[in-house]
Amino acid sequence: MKVEIDENSGFCFGVVNAIAKAEEELQHGRLYCIGDIVHNSLEVERLKQLGLSTIDHDEFARLKACRVLFRAHGEPPSSYELAKKNGIEVIDASCPVVLNLQKKIREAYEGVRANGGQIVIYGKRGHAEVNGLVAQTNDEALIIEQEEDLKYIDFSRPVILFSQTTKSLDGFKRVVELVKENARSSVVVNDTICRKVANRIPQLKDFAARHDVILFVSGEKSSNGKQLFEVCREVNPRTYFVQGVKDLRDEMFDEAGSVGISGATSTPRWVMEEIKEGLEAES
C-alpha cells in the first residue's frame, strides 16, 4: 500500500513561529500561554511536557511578574494593557497577517464613526482571532457567521466588510454578494483571507482525488481542520477525520492501494509522519 503525506499540509507560518518562540523561551524557564497555542491536543501536550502552561483570560488577569506568550491568533488591546499593569513580559507570537488585519480594522473603525458606518466581520463567533478583531472596534463590530446573520446588518448604513483570516474564500464571496444585493448605502470589501489557507483548497482537492483513502489529521478544536476535512470528503468519500495513530482502524483501508495523509494548518508534521510510519510497518 502506497502512503503519501500532502506536502502542502501542516503548520502555517504563524503557527511555526509561535511554536518556535515557545520552545526557545521554555529553555529559560516557565512560560504561560493564553489558550491552546495551536488547536491540536497532541502538540499542546508535547509543549506542556516542556513546561508550557495553558491558561484562560481569567487566570491571566491574576498573574504578576511572569512571562506569557500571546499565540498566533492575536490578542485584544486589553491583554497588552493588563500585561503592562501587572509587570508581565509578553512573548508576542501573534501572526503578522492577523496583526495587520487588526490594524486595518482599527483604522476603518476610527474612519466610519463619523459617517455612521458599521464594521462587519465574516468569522466564527467566539474564535480567538475574531475576539481580537472585534476588540479593535470597542466590541461594536458585527460578526457574520452564516447567511442568516445578515439580518443584523443595517443596510441603510455604510458597510465595511472584513473576514477572519482562515475562513473559506467561497463563503466570503457569497457573503459579499449578499451584502451588495441588500445594501442601500456604500459597501467597502476587504478580502483579508490568508492565502496559505485559501490556496490549499484546490491543492487539497487534487490530492484527495489521487488516493483511494484520505486520512485527514486535525485536532477537534480546529475550525480550519473541519473546513478542509469537508473539502476532502466532497472529493473522496473515503476520507476519515483522525487525530493520531490511535484513531486508525483496519476497515478504513479495505482494498486500498494508496492512502493520502493531509492535515490542517494546526497539524504537526510529526503526527502525520507517525501515522505514515505506522501504516508502512503494517503493510
C-alpha atoms as a PDB file:
ATOM      1  CA  MET A   1       0.000   0.000   0.000  1.00  0.00           C
ATOM      2  CA  LYS A   2       1.382   3.375  -1.041  1.00  0.00           C
ATOM      3  CA  VAL A   3       1.280   6.093   1.636  1.00  0.00           C
ATOM      4  CA  GLU A   4       1.836   9.785   0.840  1.00  0.00           C
ATOM      5  CA  ILE A   5       1.830  12.897   3.035  1.00  0.00           C
ATOM      6  CA  ASP A   6       0.378  16.026   1.460  1.00  0.00           C
ATOM      7  CA  GLU A   7       3.355  18.355   1.069  1.00  0.00           C
ATOM      8  CA  ASN A   8       1.083  21.408   1.361  1.00  0.00           C
ATOM      9  CA  SER A   9      -0.362  20.368   4.724  1.00  0.00           C
ATOM     10  CA  GLY A  10       0.715  21.159   8.246  1.00  0.00           C
ATOM     11  CA  PHE A  11       1.639  24.281  10.162  1.00  0.00           C
ATOM     12  CA  CYS A  12       1.275  27.680   8.548  1.00  0.00           C
ATOM     13  CA  PHE A  13       3.946  30.335   9.145  1.00  0.00           C
ATOM     14  CA  GLY A  14       2.100  31.871  12.093  1.00  0.00           C
ATOM     15  CA  VAL A  15       1.905  28.571  13.973  1.00  0.00           C
ATOM     16  CA  VAL A  16       5.507  27.618  13.126  1.00  0.00           C
ATOM     17  CA  ASN A  17       6.646  30.963  14.513  1.00  0.00           C
ATOM     18  CA  ALA A  18       4.565  30.636  17.705  1.00  0.00           C
ATOM     19  CA  ILE A  19       5.847  27.144  18.483  1.00  0.00           C
ATOM     20  CA  ALA A  20       9.441  28.106  17.733  1.00  0.00           C
ATOM     21  CA  LYS A  21       9.154  31.060  20.117  1.00  0.00           C
ATOM     22  CA  ALA A  22       7.609  28.861  22.794  1.00  0.00           C
ATOM     23  CA  GLU A  23      10.380  26.266  22.508  1.00  0.00           C
ATOM     24  CA  GLU A  24      13.052  28.955  22.656  1.00  0.00           C
ATOM     25  CA  GLU A  25      11.534  30.691  25.683  1.00  0.00           C
ATOM     26  CA  LEU A  26      10.937  27.416  27.542  1.00  0.00           C
ATOM     27  CA  GLN A  27      14.704  26.954  27.691  1.00  0.00           C
ATOM     28  CA  HIS A  28      14.728  29.893  30.115  1.00  0.00           C
ATOM     29  CA  GLY A  29      12.024  28.659  32.481  1.00  0.00           C
ATOM     30  CA  ARG A  30       8.298  28.576  32.956  1.00  0.00           C
ATOM     31  CA  LEU A  31       6.050  30.099  30.329  1.00  0.00           C
ATOM     32  CA  TYR A  32       2.294  30.643  30.184  1.00  0.00           C
ATOM     33  CA  CYS A  33       0.114  30.764  27.054  1.00  0.00           C
ATOM     34  CA  ILE A  34      -3.399  32.224  26.825  1.00  0.00           C
ATOM     35  CA  GLY A  35      -5.418  29.433  25.235  1.00  0.00           C
ATOM     36  CA  ASP A  36      -4.054  26.404  23.380  1.00  0.00           C
ATOM     37  CA  ILE A  37      -1.008  27.518  21.398  1.00  0.00           C
ATOM     38  CA  VAL A  38      -2.410  25.507  18.496  1.00  0.00           C
ATOM     39  CA  HIS A  39      -5.695  23.629  18.089  1.00  0.00           C
ATOM     40  CA  ASN A  40      -4.052  20.235  18.327  1.00  0.00           C
ATOM     41  CA  SER A  41      -4.126  18.318  21.613  1.00  0.00           C
ATOM     42  CA  LEU A  42      -1.044  16.217  20.827  1.00  0.00           C
ATOM     43  CA  GLU A  43       1.128  19.264  20.184  1.00  0.00           C
ATOM     44  CA  VAL A  44      -0.296  21.044  23.235  1.00  0.00           C
ATOM     45  CA  GLU A  45       0.605  18.033  25.361  1.00  0.00           C
ATOM     46  CA  ARG A  46       4.128  17.886  23.897  1.00  0.00           C
ATOM     47  CA  LEU A  47       4.755  21.513  24.823  1.00  0.00           C
ATOM     48  CA  LYS A  48       3.166  21.006  28.226  1.00  0.00           C
ATOM     49  CA  GLN A  49       5.832  18.399  28.934  1.00  0.00           C
ATOM     50  CA  LEU A  50       8.429  21.078  28.145  1.00  0.00           C
ATOM     51  CA  GLY A  51       6.846  23.434  30.684  1.00  0.00           C
ATOM     52  CA  LEU A  52       4.237  25.446  28.767  1.00  0.00           C
ATOM     53  CA  SER A  53       1.153  26.144  30.926  1.00  0.00           C
ATOM     54  CA  THR A  54      -2.099  26.885  29.122  1.00  0.00           C
ATOM     55  CA  ILE A  55      -4.312  29.430  30.886  1.00  0.00           C
ATOM     56  CA  ASP A  56      -7.506  31.342  30.151  1.00  0.00           C
ATOM     57  CA  HIS A  57      -8.056  35.100  30.335  1.00  0.00           C
ATOM     58  CA  ASP A  58      -9.346  34.963  33.913  1.00  0.00           C
ATOM     59  CA  GLU A  59      -6.150  33.240  35.055  1.00  0.00           C
ATOM     60  CA  PHE A  60      -4.085  35.692  33.003  1.00  0.00           C
ATOM     61  CA  ALA A  61      -5.710  38.590  34.875  1.00  0.00           C
ATOM     62  CA  ARG A  62      -4.420  37.186  38.184  1.00  0.00           C
ATOM     63  CA  LEU A  63      -0.797  36.716  37.099  1.00  0.00           C
ATOM     64  CA  LYS A  64       2.020  39.048  38.151  1.00  0.00           C
ATOM     65  CA  ALA A  65       5.641  39.412  37.065  1.00  0.00           C
ATOM     66  CA  CYS A  66       5.913  36.369  34.805  1.00  0.00           C
ATOM     67  CA  ARG A  67       6.220  35.538  31.113  1.00  0.00           C
ATOM     68  CA  VAL A  68       3.162  34.988  28.916  1.00  0.00           C
ATOM     69  CA  LEU A  69       3.084  34.007  25.261  1.00  0.00           C
ATOM     70  CA  PHE A  70       0.428  35.515  23.011  1.00  0.00           C
ATOM     71  CA  ARG A  71      -0.314  32.881  20.384  1.00  0.00           C
ATOM     72  CA  ALA A  72      -0.681  33.345  16.617  1.00  0.00           C
ATOM     73  CA  HIS A  73      -4.423  34.160  16.831  1.00  0.00           C
ATOM     74  CA  GLY A  74      -3.623  37.580  18.311  1.00  0.00           C
ATOM     75  CA  GLU A  75      -4.906  39.296  21.451  1.00  0.00           C
ATOM     76  CA  PRO A  76      -7.153  42.313  22.100  1.00  0.00           C
ATOM     77  CA  PRO A  77      -5.622  45.622  23.277  1.00  0.00           C
ATOM     78  CA  SER A  78      -6.833  44.910  26.821  1.00  0.00           C
ATOM     79  CA  SER A  79      -4.400  41.972  27.125  1.00  0.00           C
ATOM     80  CA  TYR A  80      -1.427  44.203  26.371  1.00  0.00           C
ATOM     81  CA  GLU A  81      -2.672  46.821  28.842  1.00  0.00           C
ATOM     82  CA  LEU A  82      -3.146  44.209  31.569  1.00  0.00           C
ATOM     83  CA  ALA A  83       0.305  42.744  30.968  1.00  0.00           C
ATOM     84  CA  LYS A  84       1.899  46.179  31.357  1.00  0.00           C
ATOM     85  CA  LYS A  85      -0.076  46.892  34.514  1.00  0.00           C
ATOM     86  CA  ASN A  86       0.886  43.560  36.152  1.00  0.00           C
ATOM     87  CA  GLY A  87       4.549  43.520  35.165  1.00  0.00           C
ATOM     88  CA  ILE A  88       4.128  40.632  32.742  1.00  0.00           C
ATOM     89  CA  GLU A  89       6.675  40.088  29.989  1.00  0.00           C
ATOM     90  CA  VAL A  90       4.799  39.435  26.745  1.00  0.00           C
ATOM     91  CA  ILE A  91       6.284  36.983  24.260  1.00  0.00           C
ATOM     92  CA  ASP A  92       4.301  38.131  21.253  1.00  0.00           C
ATOM     93  CA  ALA A  93       3.816  35.337  18.722  1.00  0.00           C
ATOM     94  CA  SER A  94       0.821  36.953  17.038  1.00  0.00           C
ATOM     95  CA  CYS A  95       0.756  36.124  13.326  1.00  0.00           C
ATOM     96  CA  PRO A  96       1.845  39.162  11.245  1.00  0.00           C
ATOM     97  CA  VAL A  97      -1.161  38.615   8.970  1.00  0.00           C
ATOM     98  CA  VAL A  98      -3.503  38.841  11.969  1.00  0.00           C
ATOM     99  CA  LEU A  99      -1.728  41.900  13.385  1.00  0.00           C
ATOM    100  CA  ASN A 100      -2.037  43.638  10.025  1.00  0.00           C
ATOM    101  CA  LEU A 101      -5.752  42.818   9.932  1.00  0.00           C
ATOM    102  CA  GLN A 102      -6.226  44.165  13.458  1.00  0.00           C
ATOM    103  CA  LYS A 103      -4.593  47.419  12.351  1.00  0.00           C
ATOM    104  CA  LYS A 104      -6.813  47.690   9.260  1.00  0.00           C
ATOM    105  CA  ILE A 105      -9.979  47.115  11.262  1.00  0.00           C
ATOM    106  CA  ARG A 106      -8.944  49.625  13.938  1.00  0.00           C
ATOM    107  CA  GLU A 107      -8.249  52.285  11.278  1.00  0.00           C
ATOM    108  CA  ALA A 108     -11.504  51.515   9.452  1.00  0.00           C
ATOM    109  CA  TYR A 109     -13.465  51.761  12.708  1.00  0.00           C
ATOM    110  CA  GLU A 110     -11.951  55.150  13.505  1.00  0.00           C
ATOM    111  CA  GLY A 111     -12.875  56.291   9.998  1.00  0.00           C
ATOM    112  CA  VAL A 112     -16.510  55.123   9.914  1.00  0.00           C
ATOM    113  CA  ARG A 113     -17.616  56.561  13.215  1.00  0.00           C
ATOM    114  CA  ALA A 114     -18.026  59.963  11.565  1.00  0.00           C
ATOM    115  CA  ASN A 115     -20.383  58.748   8.812  1.00  0.00           C
ATOM    116  CA  GLY A 116     -22.407  56.215  10.796  1.00  0.00           C
ATOM    117  CA  GLY A 117     -20.848  53.234   9.085  1.00  0.00           C
ATOM    118  CA  GLN A 118     -20.511  49.745  10.549  1.00  0.00           C
ATOM    119  CA  ILE A 119     -17.693  47.213  10.612  1.00  0.00           C
ATOM    120  CA  VAL A 120     -18.811  43.707   9.641  1.00  0.00           C
ATOM    121  CA  ILE A 121     -16.565  40.663  10.136  1.00  0.00           C
ATOM    122  CA  TYR A 122     -17.193  37.327   8.434  1.00  0.00           C
ATOM    123  CA  GLY A 123     -15.944  34.863  11.030  1.00  0.00           C
ATOM    124  CA  LYS A 124     -16.677  32.363  13.766  1.00  0.00           C
ATOM    125  CA  ARG A 125     -18.230  33.909  16.867  1.00  0.00           C
ATOM    126  CA  GLY A 126     -16.073  33.273  19.940  1.00  0.00           C
ATOM    127  CA  HIS A 127     -12.971  32.316  17.947  1.00  0.00           C
ATOM    128  CA  ALA A 128      -9.800  33.757  19.487  1.00  0.00           C
ATOM    129  CA  GLU A 129      -8.819  35.638  16.329  1.00  0.00           C
ATOM    130  CA  VAL A 130     -12.301  37.095  15.914  1.00  0.00           C
ATOM    131  CA  ASN A 131     -12.375  38.211  19.553  1.00  0.00           C
ATOM    132  CA  GLY A 132      -9.160  40.142  18.945  1.00  0.00           C
ATOM    133  CA  LEU A 133     -10.570  41.706  15.774  1.00  0.00           C
ATOM    134  CA  VAL A 134     -13.856  42.802  17.331  1.00  0.00           C
ATOM    135  CA  ALA A 135     -11.920  44.339  20.227  1.00  0.00           C
ATOM    136  CA  GLN A 136     -10.348  46.787  17.758  1.00  0.00           C
ATOM    137  CA  THR A 137     -13.820  48.324  17.355  1.00  0.00           C
ATOM    138  CA  ASN A 138     -14.699  48.716  21.033  1.00  0.00           C
ATOM    139  CA  ASP A 139     -16.689  45.481  20.589  1.00  0.00           C
ATOM    140  CA  GLU A 140     -19.062  47.189  18.157  1.00  0.00           C
ATOM    141  CA  ALA A 141     -18.317  45.142  15.016  1.00  0.00           C
ATOM    142  CA  LEU A 142     -20.987  42.753  13.755  1.00  0.00           C
ATOM    143  CA  ILE A 143     -19.985  39.107  13.297  1.00  0.00           C
ATOM    144  CA  ILE A 144     -21.464  37.247  10.351  1.00  0.00           C
ATOM    145  CA  GLU A 145     -21.050  33.519  10.903  1.00  0.00           C
ATOM    146  CA  GLN A 146     -23.665  32.341   8.400  1.00  0.00           C
ATOM    147  CA  GLU A 147     -26.050  33.839   5.870  1.00  0.00           C
ATOM    148  CA  GLU A 148     -28.858  34.082   8.440  1.00  0.00           C
ATOM    149  CA  ASP A 149     -26.765  36.580  10.425  1.00  0.00           C
ATOM    150  CA  LEU A 150     -27.040  39.160   7.634  1.00  0.00           C
ATOM    151  CA  LYS A 151     -30.344  40.268   9.182  1.00  0.00           C
ATOM    152  CA  TYR A 152     -28.351  42.035  11.903  1.00  0.00           C
ATOM    153  CA  ILE A 153     -26.775  44.452   9.400  1.00  0.00           C
ATOM    154  CA  ASP A 154     -28.431  47.845   8.971  1.00  0.00           C
ATOM    155  CA  PHE A 155     -28.257  48.072   5.178  1.00  0.00           C
ATOM    156  CA  SER A 156     -29.236  51.740   5.200  1.00  0.00           C
ATOM    157  CA  ARG A 157     -25.804  52.498   6.681  1.00  0.00           C
ATOM    158  CA  PRO A 158     -22.369  52.156   5.028  1.00  0.00           C
ATOM    159  CA  VAL A 159     -20.758  48.726   5.466  1.00  0.00           C
ATOM    160  CA  ILE A 160     -17.056  47.937   5.678  1.00  0.00           C
ATOM    161  CA  LEU A 161     -16.598  44.188   5.386  1.00  0.00           C
ATOM    162  CA  PHE A 162     -13.636  42.085   6.570  1.00  0.00           C
ATOM    163  CA  SER A 163     -13.034  38.373   7.083  1.00  0.00           C
ATOM    164  CA  GLN A 164     -11.354  36.178   9.668  1.00  0.00           C
ATOM    165  CA  THR A 165      -8.097  35.079   8.016  1.00  0.00           C
ATOM    166  CA  THR A 166      -8.928  31.349   7.995  1.00  0.00           C
ATOM    167  CA  LYS A 167     -12.457  31.447   6.573  1.00  0.00           C
ATOM    168  CA  SER A 168     -13.485  29.879   3.276  1.00  0.00           C
ATOM    169  CA  LEU A 169     -12.915  32.102   0.242  1.00  0.00           C
ATOM    170  CA  ASP A 170     -16.097  30.789  -1.390  1.00  0.00           C
ATOM    171  CA  GLY A 171     -18.053  31.509   1.793  1.00  0.00           C
ATOM    172  CA  PHE A 172     -16.697  35.051   1.906  1.00  0.00           C
ATOM    173  CA  LYS A 173     -17.544  35.652  -1.755  1.00  0.00           C
ATOM    174  CA  ARG A 174     -21.118  34.551  -1.068  1.00  0.00           C
ATOM    175  CA  VAL A 175     -21.407  36.938   1.904  1.00  0.00           C
ATOM    176  CA  VAL A 176     -20.023  39.789  -0.234  1.00  0.00           C
ATOM    177  CA  GLU A 177     -22.581  39.025  -2.931  1.00  0.00           C
ATOM    178  CA  LEU A 178     -25.488  39.060  -0.475  1.00  0.00           C
ATOM    179  CA  VAL A 179     -24.324  42.232   1.270  1.00  0.00           C
ATOM    180  CA  LYS A 180     -24.072  44.062  -2.046  1.00  0.00           C
ATOM    181  CA  GLU A 181     -27.516  42.794  -3.115  1.00  0.00           C
ATOM    182  CA  ASN A 182     -29.140  44.187   0.034  1.00  0.00           C
ATOM    183  CA  ALA A 183     -27.091  47.352   0.500  1.00  0.00           C
ATOM    184  CA  ARG A 184     -28.793  50.739   0.298  1.00  0.00           C
ATOM    185  CA  SER A 185     -25.576  52.607   1.063  1.00  0.00           C
ATOM    186  CA  SER A 186     -21.882  52.147   0.296  1.00  0.00           C
ATOM    187  CA  VAL A 187     -20.089  48.792   0.730  1.00  0.00           C
ATOM    188  CA  VAL A 188     -16.305  48.505   1.063  1.00  0.00           C
ATOM    189  CA  VAL A 189     -14.974  44.946   0.799  1.00  0.00           C
ATOM    190  CA  ASN A 190     -11.630  43.923   2.294  1.00  0.00           C
ATOM    191  CA  ASP A 191     -10.533  40.416   1.283  1.00  0.00           C
ATOM    192  CA  THR A 192      -8.468  39.531   4.357  1.00  0.00           C
ATOM    193  CA  ILE A 193      -8.401  35.734   3.990  1.00  0.00           C
ATOM    194  CA  CYS A 194      -4.930  34.244   4.358  1.00  0.00           C
ATOM    195  CA  ARG A 195      -3.913  32.737   1.030  1.00  0.00           C
ATOM    196  CA  LYS A 196      -1.975  29.975   2.801  1.00  0.00           C
ATOM    197  CA  VAL A 197      -5.418  28.633   3.733  1.00  0.00           C
ATOM    198  CA  ALA A 198      -7.390  29.676   0.640  1.00  0.00           C
ATOM    199  CA  ASN A 199      -4.833  28.309  -1.834  1.00  0.00           C
ATOM    200  CA  ARG A 200      -4.849  24.950  -0.124  1.00  0.00           C
ATOM    201  CA  ILE A 201      -8.354  24.093  -1.246  1.00  0.00           C
ATOM    202  CA  PRO A 202      -7.641  23.441  -4.960  1.00  0.00           C
ATOM    203  CA  GLN A 203      -4.398  21.680  -3.985  1.00  0.00           C
ATOM    204  CA  LEU A 204      -6.259  19.546  -1.457  1.00  0.00           C
ATOM    205  CA  LYS A 205      -8.943  18.564  -3.964  1.00  0.00           C
ATOM    206  CA  ASP A 206      -6.266  17.296  -6.344  1.00  0.00           C
ATOM    207  CA  PHE A 207      -4.546  15.389  -3.539  1.00  0.00           C
ATOM    208  CA  ALA A 208      -7.793  13.793  -2.321  1.00  0.00           C
ATOM    209  CA  ALA A 209      -8.652  12.625  -5.835  1.00  0.00           C
ATOM    210  CA  ARG A 210      -5.297  10.864  -6.258  1.00  0.00           C
ATOM    211  CA  HIS A 211      -5.791   8.367  -3.408  1.00  0.00           C
ATOM    212  CA  ASP A 212      -8.182   5.569  -2.508  1.00  0.00           C
ATOM    213  CA  VAL A 213      -8.315   6.667   1.142  1.00  0.00           C
ATOM    214  CA  ILE A 214      -7.609  10.022   2.790  1.00  0.00           C
ATOM    215  CA  LEU A 215      -6.687  10.400   6.449  1.00  0.00           C
ATOM    216  CA  PHE A 216      -7.305  13.994   7.446  1.00  0.00           C
ATOM    217  CA  VAL A 217      -5.326  14.693  10.602  1.00  0.00           C
ATOM    218  CA  SER A 218      -6.553  17.506  12.827  1.00  0.00           C
ATOM    219  CA  GLY A 219      -7.474  18.491  16.353  1.00  0.00           C
ATOM    220  CA  GLU A 220     -11.192  18.620  17.118  1.00  0.00           C
ATOM    221  CA  LYS A 221     -10.969  22.319  18.043  1.00  0.00           C
ATOM    222  CA  SER A 222      -9.552  23.401  14.672  1.00  0.00           C
ATOM    223  CA  SER A 223     -12.032  25.390  12.542  1.00  0.00           C
ATOM    224  CA  ASN A 224      -9.596  25.202   9.652  1.00  0.00           C
ATOM    225  CA  GLY A 225      -9.346  21.426  10.095  1.00  0.00           C
ATOM    226  CA  LYS A 226     -13.123  20.899   9.971  1.00  0.00           C
ATOM    227  CA  GLN A 227     -13.378  23.055   6.864  1.00  0.00           C
ATOM    228  CA  LEU A 228     -10.580  21.273   4.981  1.00  0.00           C
ATOM    229  CA  PHE A 229     -11.840  17.838   6.039  1.00  0.00           C
ATOM    230  CA  GLU A 230     -15.165  18.610   4.351  1.00  0.00           C
ATOM    231  CA  VAL A 231     -13.303  19.707   1.206  1.00  0.00           C
ATOM    232  CA  CYS A 232     -11.568  16.307   1.145  1.00  0.00           C
ATOM    233  CA  ARG A 233     -14.735  14.351   1.817  1.00  0.00           C
ATOM    234  CA  GLU A 234     -16.606  16.059  -1.035  1.00  0.00           C
ATOM    235  CA  VAL A 235     -13.946  14.818  -3.459  1.00  0.00           C
ATOM    236  CA  ASN A 236     -13.230  11.470  -1.799  1.00  0.00           C
ATOM    237  CA  PRO A 237     -15.996   9.833   0.301  1.00  0.00           C
ATOM    238  CA  ARG A 238     -13.386   7.560   1.899  1.00  0.00           C
ATOM    239  CA  THR A 239     -11.987  10.429   3.922  1.00  0.00           C
ATOM    240  CA  TYR A 240     -11.545   9.908   7.659  1.00  0.00           C
ATOM    241  CA  PHE A 241     -11.030  12.554  10.359  1.00  0.00           C
ATOM    242  CA  VAL A 242      -8.312  11.353  12.748  1.00  0.00           C
ATOM    243  CA  GLN A 243      -6.261  12.980  15.480  1.00  0.00           C
ATOM    244  CA  GLY A 244      -3.453  10.433  15.592  1.00  0.00           C
ATOM    245  CA  VAL A 245      -2.403   6.796  15.299  1.00  0.00           C
ATOM    246  CA  LYS A 246      -4.891   5.713  17.973  1.00  0.00           C
ATOM    247  CA  ASP A 247      -7.815   6.569  15.675  1.00  0.00           C
ATOM    248  CA  LEU A 248      -6.789   4.238  12.843  1.00  0.00           C
ATOM    249  CA  ARG A 249      -8.942   1.153  12.201  1.00  0.00           C
ATOM    250  CA  ASP A 250      -8.224  -1.724   9.838  1.00  0.00           C
ATOM    251  CA  GLU A 251     -11.547  -1.373   7.997  1.00  0.00           C
ATOM    252  CA  MET A 252     -10.556   2.113   6.828  1.00  0.00           C
ATOM    253  CA  PHE A 253      -8.060   0.565   4.437  1.00  0.00           C
ATOM    254  CA  ASP A 254     -10.022  -2.335   2.907  1.00  0.00           C
ATOM    255  CA  GLU A 255      -8.825  -2.878  -0.673  1.00  0.00           C
ATOM    256  CA  ALA A 256      -6.956   0.451  -0.632  1.00  0.00           C
ATOM    257  CA  GLY A 257      -3.929   0.661  -2.895  1.00  0.00           C
ATOM    258  CA  SER A 258      -2.988   4.168  -1.794  1.00  0.00           C
ATOM    259  CA  VAL A 259      -3.526   6.326   1.282  1.00  0.00           C
ATOM    260  CA  GLY A 260      -3.089  10.083   1.399  1.00  0.00           C
ATOM    261  CA  ILE A 261      -2.378  11.839   4.693  1.00  0.00           C
ATOM    262  CA  SER A 262      -3.223  15.514   4.972  1.00  0.00           C
ATOM    263  CA  GLY A 263      -3.840  17.949   7.801  1.00  0.00           C
ATOM    264  CA  ALA A 264      -4.890  21.379   8.989  1.00  0.00           C
ATOM    265  CA  THR A 265      -2.650  24.419   9.401  1.00  0.00           C
ATOM    266  CA  SER A 266      -2.585  23.430  13.080  1.00  0.00           C
ATOM    267  CA  THR A 267      -1.476  19.828  12.469  1.00  0.00           C
ATOM    268  CA  PRO A 268       2.132  18.972  13.426  1.00  0.00           C
ATOM    269  CA  ARG A 269       4.196  17.277  10.755  1.00  0.00           C
ATOM    270  CA  TRP A 270       5.448  14.751  13.309  1.00  0.00           C
ATOM    271  CA  VAL A 271       1.920  13.411  13.871  1.00  0.00           C
ATOM    272  CA  MET A 272       1.444  12.807  10.137  1.00  0.00           C
ATOM    273  CA  GLU A 273       4.878  11.163   9.928  1.00  0.00           C
ATOM    274  CA  GLU A 274       3.981   8.904  12.864  1.00  0.00           C
ATOM    275  CA  ILE A 275       0.817   7.777  11.059  1.00  0.00           C
ATOM    276  CA  LYS A 276       2.708   7.154   7.828  1.00  0.00           C
ATOM    277  CA  GLU A 277       5.359   5.063   9.596  1.00  0.00           C
ATOM    278  CA  GLY A 278       2.662   3.034  11.356  1.00  0.00           C
ATOM    279  CA  LEU A 279       0.846   2.256   8.111  1.00  0.00           C
ATOM    280  CA  GLU A 280       4.038   1.303   6.293  1.00  0.00           C
ATOM    281  CA  ALA A 281       5.043  -1.011   9.146  1.00  0.00           C
ATOM    282  CA  GLU A 282       1.666  -2.777   8.920  1.00  0.00           C
ATOM    283  CA  SER A 283       1.663  -3.208   5.121  1.00  0.00           C
END
